[in-house]
Amino acid sequence: MPVRCSYCSHSFNLSRDYIGAVLPEALAQKQKTHAVECPNCRKHIKIPVAQMKRFAPAPAATPE
């Protein structure tokens, strides 16, 4: 998922693995945003949970 820092305009990506690990916790706590630290300026950027849902990996199919 592409992210751009609103402070320094640095662009970076959040991996599907990271989103898959963080999203269940954010949903359990009923968060509307998730804070991510910019690797360039180290400031926190708020990412909407609804946007993270769109980039989340598809759930694994259950074997029958």
Protein backbone atom coordinates (compact mmCIF):
# COMPACT_ATOMS: atom_id res chain seq x y z
CA MET A 1 0.00 0.00 0.00
CA PRO A 2 1.60 3.28 -1.03
CA VAL A 3 1.88 5.95 1.69
CA ARG A 4 3.16 9.52 1.46
CA CYS A 5 4.32 11.41 4.54
CA SER A 6 2.41 14.66 4.96
CA TYR A 7 5.39 16.29 6.69
CA CYS A 8 8.39 15.50 4.46
CA SER A 9 6.61 14.11 1.33
CA HIS A 10 8.60 10.88 1.49
CA SER A 11 6.84 7.97 -0.26
CA PHE A 12 7.04 4.41 1.06
CA ASN A 13 5.00 1.21 0.94
CA LEU A 14 3.29 -0.84 3.63
CA SER A 15 3.50 -4.56 2.87
CA ARG A 16 0.48 -6.86 2.81
CA ASP A 17 2.10 -8.86 5.62
CA TYR A 18 2.27 -5.75 7.83
CA ILE A 19 -1.32 -4.79 7.03
CA GLY A 20 -2.49 -8.35 7.66
CA ALA A 21 -0.80 -8.35 11.08
CA VAL A 22 -2.01 -4.90 12.19
CA LEU A 23 -5.55 -4.83 10.80
CA PRO A 24 -7.16 -7.43 13.14
CA GLU A 25 -5.79 -5.59 16.18
CA ALA A 26 -7.07 -2.22 14.89
CA LEU A 27 -10.51 -3.71 14.19
CA ALA A 28 -10.65 -5.35 17.63
CA GLN A 29 -9.93 -1.99 19.29
CA LYS A 30 -12.44 -0.26 16.95
CA GLN A 31 -9.82 2.21 15.73
CA LYS A 32 -10.61 4.54 12.84
CA THR A 33 -6.92 5.24 12.09
CA HIS A 34 -3.59 3.50 12.60
CA ALA A 35 -0.36 5.41 13.24
CA VAL A 36 2.68 4.57 11.11
CA GLU A 37 6.11 6.08 11.59
CA CYS A 38 7.74 7.70 8.55
CA PRO A 39 11.14 6.08 7.93
CA ASN A 40 12.58 9.42 6.78
CA CYS A 41 11.48 12.02 9.36
CA ARG A 42 10.23 9.62 12.10
CA LYS A 43 6.91 11.47 12.54
CA HIS A 44 3.67 9.53 12.89
CA ILE A 45 1.24 9.41 9.99
CA LYS A 46 -2.39 8.41 10.46
CA ILE A 47 -3.62 5.79 8.00
CA PRO A 48 -7.41 5.20 7.85
CA VAL A 49 -8.37 1.63 8.77
CA ALA A 50 -10.95 1.63 5.96
CA GLN A 51 -8.13 2.24 3.46
CA MET A 52 -6.07 -0.55 5.01
CA LYS A 53 -9.03 -2.95 4.58
CA ARG A 54 -8.91 -2.41 0.80
CA PHE A 55 -5.24 -3.42 0.65
CA ALA A 56 -5.50 -6.31 3.15
CA PRO A 57 -4.63 -9.78 1.87
CA ALA A 58 -7.55 -12.00 0.95
CA PRO A 59 -8.58 -14.46 3.67
CA ALA A 60 -7.26 -17.98 3.18
CA ALA A 61 -9.74 -20.48 1.80
CA THR A 62 -10.84 -23.12 4.27
CA PRO A 63 -10.15 -26.68 3.11
CA GLU A 64 -13.22 -28.87 2.88
